[in-house]
């Protein structure tokens, strides 16, 4: 990748298009929820350091709060992602790292 910003934007776009939050069987993609860049920025250093670990990714997802009800409640992003999306996210990250 040309530079870090470009790499993070590319990763964020991939995440935003493919990973979604499931709320009452509605799929809200992370780009539409404006969470894709946050996820990419938090995870990117692991990819650069060649230190991608699923447990660390899950910890990051756990640490990203998602406000619901106009901010009345906060729920960790990890609680809103279906298991298949977590699997897909790891696949996206592994593929991205291979192509770096």
N, C-alpha and C. Protein backbone atom coordinates (compact mmCIF):
# COMPACT_ATOMS: atom_id res chain seq x y z
N UNK A 1 0.84 -1.18 0.00
CA UNK A 1 0.00 0.00 0.00
C UNK A 1 0.89 1.25 0.00
N UNK A 2 0.40 2.30 -0.64
CA UNK A 2 1.19 3.52 -0.78
C UNK A 2 1.49 4.17 0.56
N UNK A 3 0.50 4.25 1.41
CA UNK A 3 0.74 4.83 2.72
C UNK A 3 -0.29 4.28 3.71
N UNK A 4 -0.09 4.58 4.97
CA UNK A 4 -0.95 4.03 6.01
C UNK A 4 -2.39 4.48 5.87
N UNK A 5 -2.60 5.76 5.59
CA UNK A 5 -3.97 6.28 5.45
C UNK A 5 -4.72 5.56 4.34
N UNK A 6 -4.06 5.41 3.21
CA UNK A 6 -4.68 4.71 2.08
C UNK A 6 -4.99 3.26 2.43
N UNK A 7 -4.07 2.61 3.12
CA UNK A 7 -4.27 1.21 3.50
C UNK A 7 -5.46 1.08 4.46
N UNK A 8 -5.55 1.98 5.43
CA UNK A 8 -6.66 1.93 6.38
C UNK A 8 -7.97 2.20 5.66
N UNK A 9 -7.98 3.14 4.74
CA UNK A 9 -9.20 3.43 3.97
C UNK A 9 -9.63 2.23 3.14
N UNK A 10 -8.67 1.55 2.54
CA UNK A 10 -8.97 0.36 1.74
C UNK A 10 -9.54 -0.74 2.63
N UNK A 11 -8.90 -0.95 3.78
CA UNK A 11 -9.39 -1.96 4.73
C UNK A 11 -10.77 -1.58 5.24
N UNK A 12 -10.97 -0.32 5.58
CA UNK A 12 -12.26 0.14 6.08
C UNK A 12 -13.36 -0.08 5.04
N UNK A 13 -13.06 0.18 3.78
CA UNK A 13 -14.05 -0.03 2.72
C UNK A 13 -14.45 -1.50 2.62
N UNK A 14 -13.46 -2.37 2.69
CA UNK A 14 -13.72 -3.82 2.62
C UNK A 14 -14.58 -4.26 3.81
N UNK A 15 -14.25 -3.79 4.99
CA UNK A 15 -15.02 -4.13 6.19
C UNK A 15 -16.44 -3.57 6.08
N UNK A 16 -16.53 -2.32 5.68
CA UNK A 16 -17.82 -1.64 5.60
C UNK A 16 -18.80 -2.25 4.64
N UNK A 17 -18.28 -2.84 3.56
CA UNK A 17 -19.13 -3.45 2.55
C UNK A 17 -19.56 -4.87 2.90
N UNK A 18 -18.85 -5.52 3.80
CA UNK A 18 -19.09 -6.95 4.02
C UNK A 18 -19.51 -7.34 5.43
N UNK A 19 -19.30 -6.48 6.40
CA UNK A 19 -19.58 -6.83 7.79
C UNK A 19 -20.76 -5.99 8.27
N UNK A 20 -21.69 -6.64 8.95
CA UNK A 20 -22.89 -5.94 9.38
C UNK A 20 -23.27 -6.26 10.82
N UNK A 21 -24.05 -5.36 11.37
CA UNK A 21 -24.67 -5.52 12.67
C UNK A 21 -26.05 -6.13 12.41
N UNK A 22 -26.45 -7.07 13.24
CA UNK A 22 -27.78 -7.67 13.11
C UNK A 22 -28.64 -7.19 14.27
N UNK A 23 -29.68 -6.43 13.94
CA UNK A 23 -30.62 -5.94 14.94
C UNK A 23 -32.03 -6.36 14.48
N UNK A 24 -32.64 -7.26 15.23
CA UNK A 24 -33.98 -7.75 14.91
C UNK A 24 -34.06 -8.23 13.45
N UNK A 25 -33.02 -8.94 13.03
CA UNK A 25 -32.89 -9.52 11.69
C UNK A 25 -32.72 -8.47 10.59
N UNK A 26 -32.44 -7.24 10.99
CA UNK A 26 -32.08 -6.20 10.05
C UNK A 26 -30.56 -6.15 9.98
N UNK A 27 -30.03 -6.03 8.77
CA UNK A 27 -28.59 -5.97 8.59
C UNK A 27 -28.18 -4.53 8.33
N UNK A 28 -27.42 -3.98 9.25
CA UNK A 28 -26.89 -2.63 9.11
C UNK A 28 -25.38 -2.77 8.91
N UNK A 29 -24.95 -2.51 7.67
CA UNK A 29 -23.54 -2.65 7.34
C UNK A 29 -22.72 -1.60 8.08
N UNK A 30 -21.50 -1.96 8.44
CA UNK A 30 -20.68 -1.07 9.26
C UNK A 30 -20.41 0.27 8.59
N UNK A 31 -20.37 0.31 7.25
CA UNK A 31 -20.18 1.61 6.59
C UNK A 31 -21.37 2.51 6.84
N UNK A 32 -22.59 1.94 6.84
CA UNK A 32 -23.79 2.72 7.08
C UNK A 32 -23.91 3.15 8.54
N UNK A 33 -23.32 2.37 9.42
CA UNK A 33 -23.32 2.70 10.85
C UNK A 33 -22.12 3.58 11.22
N UNK A 34 -21.29 3.90 10.23
CA UNK A 34 -20.09 4.72 10.42
C UNK A 34 -19.13 4.11 11.45
N UNK A 35 -19.00 2.79 11.40
CA UNK A 35 -18.10 2.08 12.31
C UNK A 35 -16.93 1.42 11.59
N UNK A 36 -16.99 1.36 10.27
CA UNK A 36 -15.97 0.63 9.51
C UNK A 36 -14.58 1.24 9.66
N UNK A 37 -14.48 2.56 9.70
CA UNK A 37 -13.17 3.20 9.83
C UNK A 37 -12.59 2.97 11.22
N UNK A 38 -13.44 3.06 12.23
CA UNK A 38 -12.99 2.80 13.60
C UNK A 38 -12.41 1.40 13.73
N UNK A 39 -13.12 0.42 13.18
CA UNK A 39 -12.66 -0.97 13.24
C UNK A 39 -11.32 -1.10 12.50
N UNK A 40 -11.24 -0.54 11.32
CA UNK A 40 -10.01 -0.64 10.53
C UNK A 40 -8.83 0.02 11.25
N UNK A 41 -9.05 1.20 11.83
CA UNK A 41 -7.97 1.91 12.53
C UNK A 41 -7.47 1.13 13.74
N UNK A 42 -8.38 0.46 14.42
CA UNK A 42 -7.99 -0.30 15.61
C UNK A 42 -7.25 -1.59 15.26
N UNK A 43 -7.64 -2.22 14.17
CA UNK A 43 -7.09 -3.53 13.81
C UNK A 43 -5.83 -3.41 12.94
N UNK A 44 -5.71 -2.35 12.17
CA UNK A 44 -4.61 -2.22 11.22
C UNK A 44 -3.22 -2.44 11.83
N UNK A 45 -2.93 -1.89 13.02
CA UNK A 45 -1.59 -2.12 13.59
C UNK A 45 -1.24 -3.60 13.75
N UNK A 46 -2.21 -4.44 14.03
CA UNK A 46 -1.95 -5.88 14.14
C UNK A 46 -1.51 -6.45 12.80
N UNK A 47 -2.10 -5.95 11.73
CA UNK A 47 -1.77 -6.45 10.39
C UNK A 47 -0.35 -6.04 10.01
N UNK A 48 0.01 -4.81 10.34
CA UNK A 48 1.34 -4.29 10.03
C UNK A 48 2.41 -5.07 10.81
N UNK A 49 2.10 -5.37 12.06
CA UNK A 49 3.05 -6.09 12.92
C UNK A 49 3.04 -7.59 12.67
N UNK A 50 2.22 -8.03 11.69
CA UNK A 50 2.09 -9.46 11.38
C UNK A 50 1.73 -10.24 12.65
N UNK A 51 0.78 -9.70 13.39
CA UNK A 51 0.41 -10.26 14.68
C UNK A 51 -1.11 -10.37 14.79
N UNK A 52 -1.74 -10.88 13.74
CA UNK A 52 -3.19 -11.01 13.71
C UNK A 52 -3.62 -12.22 14.53
N UNK A 53 -4.41 -11.94 15.57
CA UNK A 53 -4.93 -13.00 16.43
C UNK A 53 -6.42 -12.78 16.64
N UNK A 54 -7.19 -13.84 16.49
CA UNK A 54 -8.64 -13.73 16.61
C UNK A 54 -9.07 -13.20 17.97
N UNK A 55 -8.42 -13.64 19.03
CA UNK A 55 -8.78 -13.16 20.38
C UNK A 55 -8.57 -11.66 20.51
N UNK A 56 -7.50 -11.15 19.94
CA UNK A 56 -7.25 -9.71 20.00
C UNK A 56 -8.26 -8.94 19.17
N UNK A 57 -8.65 -9.49 18.03
CA UNK A 57 -9.67 -8.84 17.20
C UNK A 57 -10.99 -8.79 17.98
N UNK A 58 -11.34 -9.88 18.64
CA UNK A 58 -12.56 -9.91 19.43
C UNK A 58 -12.50 -8.91 20.59
N UNK A 59 -11.32 -8.76 21.19
CA UNK A 59 -11.16 -7.76 22.26
C UNK A 59 -11.39 -6.35 21.72
N UNK A 60 -10.88 -6.09 20.53
CA UNK A 60 -11.09 -4.78 19.92
C UNK A 60 -12.57 -4.55 19.65
N UNK A 61 -13.25 -5.56 19.10
CA UNK A 61 -14.68 -5.43 18.83
C UNK A 61 -15.46 -5.21 20.13
N UNK A 62 -15.00 -5.85 21.19
CA UNK A 62 -15.63 -5.70 22.50
C UNK A 62 -15.43 -4.27 23.03
N UNK A 63 -14.33 -3.64 22.67
CA UNK A 63 -14.01 -2.32 23.21
C UNK A 63 -14.66 -1.17 22.43
N UNK A 64 -15.30 -1.46 21.30
CA UNK A 64 -15.92 -0.41 20.49
C UNK A 64 -17.40 -0.30 20.88
N UNK A 65 -17.78 0.80 21.54
CA UNK A 65 -19.17 0.95 21.96
C UNK A 65 -20.07 1.41 20.81
N UNK A 66 -21.26 0.85 20.76
CA UNK A 66 -22.27 1.25 19.79
C UNK A 66 -23.44 1.83 20.57
N UNK A 67 -23.74 3.10 20.30
CA UNK A 67 -24.82 3.77 21.02
C UNK A 67 -26.15 3.40 20.40
N UNK A 68 -27.11 3.06 21.25
CA UNK A 68 -28.47 2.71 20.81
C UNK A 68 -29.46 3.66 21.47
N UNK A 69 -30.57 3.86 20.80
CA UNK A 69 -31.62 4.69 21.39
C UNK A 69 -31.19 6.11 21.64
N UNK A 70 -30.46 6.69 20.71
CA UNK A 70 -30.01 8.05 20.89
C UNK A 70 -29.00 8.21 22.01
N UNK A 71 -28.29 7.14 22.31
CA UNK A 71 -27.26 7.20 23.33
C UNK A 71 -27.72 6.74 24.71
N UNK A 72 -28.97 6.27 24.81
CA UNK A 72 -29.47 5.80 26.11
C UNK A 72 -28.75 4.56 26.57
N UNK A 73 -28.30 3.75 25.62
CA UNK A 73 -27.57 2.52 25.94
C UNK A 73 -26.35 2.42 25.03
N UNK A 74 -25.35 1.73 25.54
CA UNK A 74 -24.18 1.39 24.74
C UNK A 74 -23.99 -0.12 24.80
N UNK A 75 -23.74 -0.70 23.64
CA UNK A 75 -23.53 -2.14 23.53
C UNK A 75 -22.21 -2.35 22.79
N UNK A 76 -21.38 -3.28 23.24
CA UNK A 76 -20.14 -3.56 22.51
C UNK A 76 -20.44 -4.06 21.09
N UNK A 77 -19.66 -3.60 20.15
CA UNK A 77 -19.85 -4.02 18.76
C UNK A 77 -19.85 -5.53 18.63
N UNK A 78 -19.02 -6.20 19.40
CA UNK A 78 -18.94 -7.66 19.32
C UNK A 78 -20.28 -8.33 19.62
N UNK A 79 -21.11 -7.71 20.45
CA UNK A 79 -22.41 -8.28 20.79
C UNK A 79 -23.43 -8.14 19.66
N UNK A 80 -23.15 -7.27 18.70
CA UNK A 80 -24.10 -7.01 17.62
C UNK A 80 -23.74 -7.72 16.31
N UNK A 81 -22.52 -8.28 16.26
CA UNK A 81 -22.09 -8.98 15.05
C UNK A 81 -22.45 -10.46 15.13
N UNK A 82 -23.17 -10.97 14.13
CA UNK A 82 -23.42 -12.41 14.11
C UNK A 82 -22.10 -13.19 14.00
N UNK A 83 -22.12 -14.42 14.44
CA UNK A 83 -20.91 -15.26 14.40
C UNK A 83 -20.34 -15.33 12.99
N UNK A 84 -21.20 -15.42 11.99
CA UNK A 84 -20.72 -15.51 10.61
C UNK A 84 -19.98 -14.25 10.19
N UNK A 85 -20.43 -13.11 10.67
CA UNK A 85 -19.72 -11.86 10.35
C UNK A 85 -18.36 -11.81 11.03
N UNK A 86 -18.26 -12.33 12.23
CA UNK A 86 -16.96 -12.37 12.89
C UNK A 86 -16.01 -13.27 12.11
N UNK A 87 -16.52 -14.39 11.62
CA UNK A 87 -15.71 -15.29 10.79
C UNK A 87 -15.30 -14.59 9.51
N UNK A 88 -16.26 -13.92 8.87
CA UNK A 88 -15.97 -13.20 7.63
C UNK A 88 -14.94 -12.10 7.86
N UNK A 89 -15.04 -11.41 8.98
CA UNK A 89 -14.09 -10.35 9.30
C UNK A 89 -12.67 -10.92 9.38
N UNK A 90 -12.52 -12.05 10.06
CA UNK A 90 -11.19 -12.67 10.16
C UNK A 90 -10.67 -13.04 8.77
N UNK A 91 -11.52 -13.55 7.91
CA UNK A 91 -11.11 -13.90 6.55
C UNK A 91 -10.66 -12.66 5.77
N UNK A 92 -11.42 -11.58 5.92
CA UNK A 92 -11.06 -10.32 5.26
C UNK A 92 -9.70 -9.84 5.75
N UNK A 93 -9.50 -9.89 7.06
CA UNK A 93 -8.24 -9.43 7.65
C UNK A 93 -7.06 -10.29 7.20
N UNK A 94 -7.26 -11.60 7.18
CA UNK A 94 -6.19 -12.50 6.74
C UNK A 94 -5.84 -12.25 5.28
N UNK A 95 -6.84 -12.06 4.43
CA UNK A 95 -6.60 -11.79 3.01
C UNK A 95 -5.90 -10.44 2.83
N UNK A 96 -6.34 -9.44 3.57
CA UNK A 96 -5.73 -8.12 3.48
C UNK A 96 -4.26 -8.19 3.88
N UNK A 97 -3.98 -8.91 4.95
CA UNK A 97 -2.60 -9.04 5.43
C UNK A 97 -1.73 -9.76 4.40
N UNK A 98 -2.26 -10.78 3.75
CA UNK A 98 -1.51 -11.50 2.71
C UNK A 98 -1.13 -10.57 1.56
N UNK A 99 -2.03 -9.62 1.26
CA UNK A 99 -1.83 -8.74 0.11
C UNK A 99 -1.03 -7.47 0.42
N UNK A 100 -0.62 -7.33 1.67
CA UNK A 100 0.13 -6.12 2.07
C UNK A 100 1.55 -6.17 1.52
